[in-house]
Each structure stands twice: as structure tokens, then as C-alpha cells.
Protein backbone atom coordinates (compact mmCIF):
# COMPACT_ATOMS: atom_id res chain seq x y z
CA MET A 1 -47.71 49.88 68.32
CA THR A 2 -48.21 46.11 68.18
CA GLU A 3 -49.03 43.31 70.59
CA ASN A 4 -45.28 42.67 70.80
CA THR A 5 -44.94 45.99 72.61
CA PHE A 6 -47.14 44.74 75.42
CA ASN A 7 -45.48 41.30 75.43
CA GLU A 8 -42.05 42.90 75.94
CA LEU A 9 -43.37 45.02 78.80
CA GLN A 10 -45.01 41.98 80.35
CA GLU A 11 -41.72 40.07 80.24
CA TRP A 12 -40.01 42.98 82.02
CA PHE A 13 -42.81 43.05 84.64
CA GLU A 14 -42.33 39.33 85.38
CA LYS A 15 -38.60 39.77 85.98
CA TYR A 16 -39.09 42.94 88.01
CA VAL A 17 -41.59 41.39 90.42
CA GLN A 18 -39.29 38.42 91.06
CA GLU A 19 -36.81 40.84 92.69
CA PHE A 20 -39.26 41.44 95.54
CA TYR A 21 -39.66 37.84 96.66
CA LEU A 22 -37.04 38.44 99.33
CA SER A 23 -38.47 36.15 101.99
CA GLU A 24 -41.21 33.60 102.52
CA LYS A 25 -42.83 36.04 104.93
CA ASP A 26 -43.27 38.64 102.18
CA LYS A 27 -44.38 36.23 99.45
CA GLU A 28 -48.08 36.44 100.28
CA GLN A 29 -48.08 40.24 100.08
CA ILE A 30 -46.14 40.39 96.80
CA ASP A 31 -48.40 37.70 95.32
CA LEU A 32 -51.43 39.74 96.34
CA LYS A 33 -50.38 42.70 94.19
CA TYR A 34 -48.92 40.55 91.42
CA LYS A 35 -52.20 38.70 90.93
CA HIS A 36 -54.20 41.91 91.38
CA SER A 37 -52.19 43.53 88.57
CA TYR A 38 -53.10 40.73 86.18
CA ARG A 39 -56.77 40.69 87.13
CA VAL A 40 -57.00 44.46 86.62
CA TYR A 41 -55.29 44.07 83.25
CA GLN A 42 -57.93 41.46 82.33
CA ASN A 43 -60.71 43.73 83.59
CA ILE A 44 -59.55 46.77 81.63
CA ASN A 45 -59.06 44.63 78.51
CA LYS A 46 -62.67 43.48 78.78
CA LEU A 47 -63.96 47.03 79.29
CA ALA A 48 -61.86 48.41 76.42
CA ASN A 49 -63.18 45.75 74.06
CA ASP A 50 -66.75 46.31 75.26
CA ILE A 51 -66.72 50.02 74.38
CA GLY A 52 -65.14 49.31 70.98
CA LEU A 53 -61.66 50.77 71.31
CA SER A 54 -59.16 50.26 68.50
CA SER A 55 -56.47 47.58 68.70
CA GLU A 56 -53.84 50.20 69.58
CA GLU A 57 -56.06 51.72 72.26
CA ILE A 58 -56.64 48.26 73.76
CA ILE A 59 -52.86 47.79 74.02
CA ILE A 60 -52.63 51.16 75.81
CA ALA A 61 -55.35 50.02 78.20
CA ASN A 62 -53.53 46.73 78.81
CA ILE A 63 -50.30 48.56 79.65
CA ILE A 64 -52.14 50.82 82.11
CA GLY A 65 -53.86 47.83 83.70
CA LEU A 66 -50.68 45.82 84.21
CA PHE A 67 -48.60 48.73 85.48
CA HIS A 68 -51.16 50.75 87.47
CA ASP A 69 -49.84 49.33 90.78
CA LEU A 70 -46.19 48.98 89.77
CA GLY A 71 -45.17 51.12 92.75
CA ARG A 72 -46.81 48.75 95.23
CA PHE A 73 -43.85 46.36 95.18
CA GLU A 74 -41.28 49.02 96.04
CA GLN A 75 -43.72 50.53 98.54
CA TYR A 76 -43.98 47.23 100.41
CA LYS A 77 -40.22 46.64 100.24
CA ARG A 78 -39.53 50.02 101.84
CA TYR A 79 -42.37 50.32 104.34
CA LYS A 80 -43.92 46.84 104.74
CA THR A 81 -47.36 48.32 104.15
CA PHE A 82 -49.74 49.07 101.30
CA SER A 83 -51.18 52.08 103.12
CA ASP A 84 -50.36 55.26 101.19
CA SER A 85 -51.11 57.41 104.23
CA GLU A 86 -48.40 55.56 106.16
CA SER A 87 -45.87 55.61 103.32
CA LEU A 88 -46.26 57.33 99.94
CA ASN A 89 -48.57 57.72 96.94
CA HIS A 90 -48.26 54.42 95.07
CA GLY A 91 -49.78 55.85 91.87
CA LYS A 92 -47.11 58.54 91.71
CA LEU A 93 -44.39 56.00 92.51
CA SER A 94 -45.66 53.72 89.71
CA VAL A 95 -45.18 56.53 87.19
CA GLU A 96 -41.73 57.38 88.57
CA ILE A 97 -40.60 53.77 88.14
CA LEU A 98 -41.91 53.65 84.57
CA GLN A 99 -39.98 56.84 83.84
CA ASP A 100 -36.80 55.79 85.65
CA TYR A 101 -36.61 52.54 83.69
CA GLN A 102 -37.67 54.32 80.47
CA LEU A 103 -40.08 51.48 79.81
CA LEU A 104 -42.26 53.46 77.42
CA LYS A 105 -39.48 55.13 75.41
CA LYS A 106 -40.59 53.35 72.21
CA LEU A 107 -44.05 54.93 72.45
CA LYS A 108 -45.04 58.35 71.17
CA PRO A 109 -44.80 61.11 73.81
CA GLU A 110 -48.55 61.73 73.68
CA ILE A 111 -49.26 58.03 74.38
CA GLN A 112 -46.75 58.02 77.21
CA ASN A 113 -48.52 61.03 78.70
CA ILE A 114 -51.90 59.29 78.53
CA ILE A 115 -50.50 56.24 80.34
CA PHE A 116 -48.79 58.36 83.00
CA GLN A 117 -51.92 60.44 83.65
CA ALA A 118 -54.20 57.41 83.91
CA ILE A 119 -51.88 55.65 86.37
CA MET A 120 -51.34 58.83 88.38
CA ASN A 121 -55.11 59.36 88.61
CA HIS A 122 -56.22 55.79 89.29
CA ASN A 123 -56.06 56.04 93.10
CA LYS A 124 -57.15 59.64 93.62
CA LEU A 125 -60.38 60.40 95.44
CA ASP A 126 -61.70 62.23 92.37
CA ILE A 127 -60.50 62.56 88.80
CA PRO A 128 -58.68 65.92 88.51
CA ALA A 129 -60.83 68.48 86.70
CA GLU A 130 -58.09 69.26 84.17
CA THR A 131 -58.01 65.65 82.90
CA SER A 132 -59.46 65.53 79.39
CA GLY A 133 -59.53 63.69 76.08
CA LYS A 134 -57.94 60.24 75.86
CA ALA A 135 -56.32 60.68 79.29
CA LEU A 136 -59.79 61.06 80.81
CA LEU A 137 -61.11 58.00 78.96
CA PHE A 138 -58.26 55.77 80.13
CA THR A 139 -58.43 57.19 83.65
CA LYS A 140 -62.07 56.15 83.82
CA LEU A 141 -61.25 52.70 82.45
CA ILE A 142 -58.50 51.97 84.97
CA ARG A 143 -60.52 53.30 87.91
CA ASP A 144 -63.39 50.94 87.00
CA ALA A 145 -61.10 47.96 86.35
CA ASP A 146 -59.27 48.52 89.63
CA LYS A 147 -62.44 48.85 91.71
CA LEU A 148 -63.87 45.65 90.28
CA ASP A 149 -60.92 43.65 91.57
CA ILE A 150 -60.76 45.50 94.88
CA TRP A 151 -64.39 44.45 95.42
CA ASN A 152 -63.39 40.93 94.43
CA ILE A 153 -60.54 40.85 96.96
CA PHE A 154 -62.44 42.35 99.87
CA SER A 155 -65.71 40.48 99.34
CA ARG A 156 -63.72 37.24 99.65
CA ARG A 157 -61.69 38.52 102.56
CA TYR A 158 -64.75 39.51 104.58
CA HIS A 159 -66.06 35.95 104.27
CA SER A 160 -62.72 34.40 105.18
CA LYS A 161 -61.55 33.64 108.71
CA LYS A 162 -57.99 34.28 107.64
CA ASP A 163 -56.81 37.72 108.68
CA ASN A 164 -54.60 39.71 106.32
CA ASN A 165 -53.74 43.00 107.98
CA LYS A 166 -51.76 44.22 105.00
CA ILE A 167 -54.97 44.95 103.09
CA ASN A 168 -56.95 46.16 106.06
CA ILE A 169 -57.23 49.68 107.38
CA GLU A 170 -56.74 50.00 111.13
CA LEU A 171 -60.35 50.58 112.18
CA SER A 172 -62.56 49.59 115.06
CA ASP A 173 -64.31 46.26 114.57
CA LYS A 174 -67.20 47.54 116.65
CA PRO A 175 -70.35 46.93 114.55
CA GLY A 176 -72.19 49.88 113.04
CA ILE A 177 -71.68 52.88 110.78
CA SER A 178 -70.91 56.50 111.61
CA PRO A 179 -73.71 59.05 110.92
CA ASN A 180 -71.46 61.30 108.80
CA ILE A 181 -70.32 58.37 106.64
CA PHE A 182 -73.93 57.29 106.13
CA GLN A 183 -74.90 60.79 105.00
CA GLN A 184 -71.98 61.17 102.59
CA VAL A 185 -72.57 57.78 100.95
CA LEU A 186 -76.31 58.43 100.80
CA GLU A 187 -75.62 61.66 98.91
CA GLY A 188 -73.16 59.91 96.59
CA LYS A 189 -70.20 61.91 97.82
CA PRO A 190 -66.63 60.54 97.92
CA VAL A 191 -65.40 59.77 101.44
CA LYS A 192 -61.84 60.25 102.69
CA TYR A 193 -60.33 57.25 104.46
CA SER A 194 -59.20 59.52 107.28
CA SER A 195 -62.84 60.07 108.31
CA LEU A 196 -63.60 56.35 108.75
CA LYS A 197 -64.01 54.96 112.27
CA THR A 198 -65.27 51.38 111.89
CA VAL A 199 -64.84 48.46 109.51
CA ASP A 200 -68.53 48.84 108.66
CA ASP A 201 -67.79 52.43 107.60
CA PHE A 202 -65.20 51.07 105.21
CA LYS A 203 -67.60 48.46 103.85
CA LEU A 204 -70.24 51.15 103.36
CA ILE A 205 -67.96 53.38 101.30
CA GLN A 206 -66.97 50.36 99.23
CA ILE A 207 -70.64 49.83 98.43
CA GLY A 208 -70.86 53.54 97.65
CA TRP A 209 -68.02 53.27 95.11
CA THR A 210 -70.72 52.06 92.72
CA TYR A 211 -71.57 55.68 91.91
CA ASP A 212 -68.00 56.24 90.75
CA LEU A 213 -68.18 53.60 88.01
CA ASN A 214 -68.10 55.02 84.51
CA PHE A 215 -69.24 52.22 82.19
CA LYS A 216 -72.34 50.04 82.00
CA GLU A 217 -70.20 46.94 81.52
CA SER A 218 -68.58 47.68 84.89
CA LEU A 219 -72.01 47.77 86.51
CA ARG A 220 -73.01 44.55 84.76
CA ILE A 221 -69.89 42.78 86.06
CA LEU A 222 -70.50 44.17 89.55
CA LYS A 223 -74.05 42.82 89.51
CA GLU A 224 -73.08 39.45 88.00
CA LYS A 225 -70.34 38.81 90.57
CA GLN A 226 -72.59 39.95 93.46
CA TYR A 227 -69.70 41.72 95.16
CA LEU A 228 -71.98 44.23 96.90
CA LYS A 229 -74.26 41.54 98.26
CA LYS A 230 -71.27 39.66 99.65
CA ILE A 231 -70.03 42.80 101.42
CA TYR A 232 -73.48 43.86 102.61
CA GLU A 233 -74.27 40.54 104.28
CA THR A 234 -71.14 40.82 106.47
CA MET A 235 -72.24 44.18 107.91
CA GLU A 236 -74.36 44.82 110.98
CA GLN A 237 -77.86 45.12 109.55
CA SER A 238 -79.62 48.41 110.17
CA ILE A 239 -82.27 50.61 108.53
CA GLN A 240 -79.53 52.99 107.33
CA VAL A 241 -77.35 50.27 105.78
CA LYS A 242 -80.37 48.68 104.06
CA GLU A 243 -81.48 52.06 102.75
CA ILE A 244 -78.14 52.65 101.02
CA TYR A 245 -77.82 49.06 99.77
CA ASP A 246 -81.34 49.07 98.28
CA LYS A 247 -80.79 52.50 96.73
CA ILE A 248 -77.56 51.40 95.05
CA ILE A 249 -79.00 48.12 93.81
CA ASN A 250 -81.89 50.07 92.28
CA TYR A 251 -79.39 52.46 90.69
CA ILE A 252 -77.52 49.53 89.11
CA ASN A 253 -80.70 47.92 87.78
CA GLN A 254 -81.98 51.18 86.32
CA THR A 255 -78.64 52.11 84.75
CA ILE A 256 -77.83 48.84 82.99
């Protein structure tokens, strides 16, 4: 597999996305996921190089990064939302589109399987226990690369006066965090979106995502970009919020 393989897939991606610019009203939402796809591809490329993957493995990572949210465009076209709970699983749809278009037919079956598993797993609450070998490695890479840009998007959004409901979960804007969310994040447990009540709950679990990162380079980028600080300073300040923020900052500093 050569760099040309990725270049051909990238050309297809560019043409495919253009089909979804159906109206000026939808352009902002399609652009959001188009640009996100490229930033995640850049993130995973950086992580793959940092841990010393081979040139072929870096191409695999790049393909996963660019196509991890392929289903988002069709999801928005059908349902006008990016909420999986209100529509469908976008990770699963991404894999189905890759398979329907036979985009990876030139790749070995085992490589195709790695790509499919990583994309299927990228948006799950936890990595499935049966995931192993190269599929596990690339699943960890895409989950880190994706989170880094989600932090990027939301940390900017929270500081912007412009409202973009398409990337917001319908939650109460009443300040404060729920006791059960505080406890779960404090214990480093994953939190289901369905249990969130306030926007501050959502911000708190985003800060808690730090424990789900798999590579030191991911933590270094997170610290350098100050995403957590930017999110934290938009929350209602309390002893509980400060306790979790300080604990996670200490975890980052000790780990890297």
C-alpha cells in the first residue's frame, strides 16, 4: 500500500462530500464535519508518527482518521441532526458506506477489517473487550485523535456567543453539576449521555474524557492547547468542579 492509495481515497471523499451541500442552510453543518474529518486525520497522523508506526501503518491510520465520521453526512441529510440517539449510530453507518462503495477493495482483507473495527469502535462508550491486536491499536489512536478535536470544537464554542444547536445536546443551561455525574467522573468511570441533566454535566464529562486517552502525546497536546482550562473556566465554579479539574490536571502532569 502506497501514499497513492490514500490520495485516491481522499479524492473520492472530496467528491462525496460535495453531494451534501444541498442548501446554504446546511452548509455550516456539512463544513463542520468536513473540517473535523481533516483535523482528526491530522491528529491521528501525528500520533501514529509519534509512536513510530511504519509507513503502511501510518497510511492505515490516515484512512481511519479521514473516514471515521463518513456516516455523519448521510446522517445529517436524513435526520438534520448529529445526535445518534435521535437518529442512528454514525460509526456503524460510516462502515456501511465504506463497504457499499467498496472503497477499500484494493486492500488486504485483514487491513480492511482493522479499518472497519477502528471506525466502528471510535464512538462507543468503551472499547469492546474482544478488540485486540492491530484493531485495538488503531481503535485507541482514532479515539484519541477524535477527542482532541472534539475538545477543540467545544472549547471554542463555549467561548463563542454564536449558538450552534447542531453540536449541542438538549440540556438545561441551569448552572451546576449533578451529584451522580460528579461521582462517576471523580471515579474515572465513563458516563452515558442519557444520564446528563445540565450543560455543566456535559462539560464535566468532557473534562473526564482525559482518563480515556491512550497515548502520552495525546496528553501533551491536550495540555499544550489548554482545552480543559478553556472548558473549566466556562463552568459554574464549585468545590466539586475544582476538585475534579485539579485531580485531572495533576494526572496529566504526572503521566507525561
